[in-house]
Amino acid sequence: MWLKGNLILMGYVGCWAAWANWTSICYYNSIMRLYSYIYILFLLSIFIFY
């Protein structure tokens, strides 16, 4: 879990570092971050509703 959070954080920092010259890496990191947020919300909803 800590490693996953670290990867998300590194993706966030990498996205900001590459923002000046917009790259596909930044776009990919944004998509993966969005997916990880959705995944976390999904886990939370399971935890709350079941």
C-alpha atoms as a PDB file:
ATOM      1  CA  MET A   1       0.000   0.000   0.000  1.00  0.00           C
ATOM      2  CA  TRP A   2       2.830   2.377   0.875  1.00  0.00           C
ATOM      3  CA  LEU A   3       4.581   1.486  -2.362  1.00  0.00           C
ATOM      4  CA  LYS A   4       1.413   2.115  -4.363  1.00  0.00           C
ATOM      5  CA  GLY A   5       0.999   5.519  -2.713  1.00  0.00           C
ATOM      6  CA  ASN A   6       4.622   6.281  -3.509  1.00  0.00           C
ATOM      7  CA  LEU A   7       4.088   5.382  -7.165  1.00  0.00           C
ATOM      8  CA  ILE A   8       1.015   7.606  -7.338  1.00  0.00           C
ATOM      9  CA  LEU A   9       2.981  10.454  -5.751  1.00  0.00           C
ATOM     10  CA  MET A  10       5.889   9.949  -8.151  1.00  0.00           C
ATOM     11  CA  GLY A  11       3.457   9.977 -11.061  1.00  0.00           C
ATOM     12  CA  TYR A  12       2.000  13.249  -9.770  1.00  0.00           C
ATOM     13  CA  VAL A  13       5.436  14.868  -9.417  1.00  0.00           C
ATOM     14  CA  GLY A  14       6.507  13.497 -12.807  1.00  0.00           C
ATOM     15  CA  CYS A  15       3.390  14.963 -14.379  1.00  0.00           C
ATOM     16  CA  TRP A  16       4.150  18.411 -12.963  1.00  0.00           C
ATOM     17  CA  ALA A  17       7.792  18.129 -14.039  1.00  0.00           C
ATOM     18  CA  ALA A  18       6.712  17.346 -17.601  1.00  0.00           C
ATOM     19  CA  TRP A  19       3.924  19.944 -17.691  1.00  0.00           C
ATOM     20  CA  ALA A  20       6.099  22.579 -19.377  1.00  0.00           C
ATOM     21  CA  ASN A  21       6.588  20.292 -22.380  1.00  0.00           C
ATOM     22  CA  TRP A  22       3.365  18.287 -22.425  1.00  0.00           C
ATOM     23  CA  THR A  23       4.253  14.632 -22.989  1.00  0.00           C
ATOM     24  CA  SER A  24       2.385  11.354 -23.300  1.00  0.00           C
ATOM     25  CA  ILE A  25       4.065  10.282 -20.044  1.00  0.00           C
ATOM     26  CA  CYS A  26       2.265  13.053 -18.181  1.00  0.00           C
ATOM     27  CA  TYR A  27      -1.005  12.076 -19.852  1.00  0.00           C
ATOM     28  CA  TYR A  28      -0.429   8.431 -18.937  1.00  0.00           C
ATOM     29  CA  ASN A  29       0.327   9.344 -15.314  1.00  0.00           C
ATOM     30  CA  SER A  30      -2.848  11.422 -15.130  1.00  0.00           C
ATOM     31  CA  ILE A  31      -4.922   8.516 -16.450  1.00  0.00           C
ATOM     32  CA  MET A  32      -3.336   6.063 -14.008  1.00  0.00           C
ATOM     33  CA  ARG A  33      -3.886   8.497 -11.129  1.00  0.00           C
ATOM     34  CA  LEU A  34      -7.539   8.836 -12.112  1.00  0.00           C
ATOM     35  CA  TYR A  35      -7.900   5.052 -12.241  1.00  0.00           C
ATOM     36  CA  SER A  36      -6.258   4.675  -8.827  1.00  0.00           C
ATOM     37  CA  TYR A  37      -8.653   7.275  -7.341  1.00  0.00           C
ATOM     38  CA  ILE A  38     -11.617   5.385  -8.816  1.00  0.00           C
ATOM     39  CA  TYR A  39     -10.191   2.133  -7.442  1.00  0.00           C
ATOM     40  CA  ILE A  40      -9.801   3.617  -3.954  1.00  0.00           C
ATOM     41  CA  LEU A  41     -13.362   4.974  -4.058  1.00  0.00           C
ATOM     42  CA  PHE A  42     -14.551   1.543  -5.190  1.00  0.00           C
ATOM     43  CA  LEU A  43     -12.826  -0.142  -2.242  1.00  0.00           C
ATOM     44  CA  LEU A  44     -14.239   2.452   0.159  1.00  0.00           C
ATOM     45  CA  SER A  45     -17.759   1.963  -1.183  1.00  0.00           C
ATOM     46  CA  ILE A  46     -17.448  -1.808  -0.701  1.00  0.00           C
ATOM     47  CA  PHE A  47     -16.178  -1.237   2.834  1.00  0.00           C
ATOM     48  CA  ILE A  48     -19.023   1.158   3.670  1.00  0.00           C
ATOM     49  CA  PHE A  49     -21.957  -0.616   2.036  1.00  0.00           C
ATOM     50  CA  TYR A  50     -21.118  -4.254   2.868  1.00  0.00           C
END
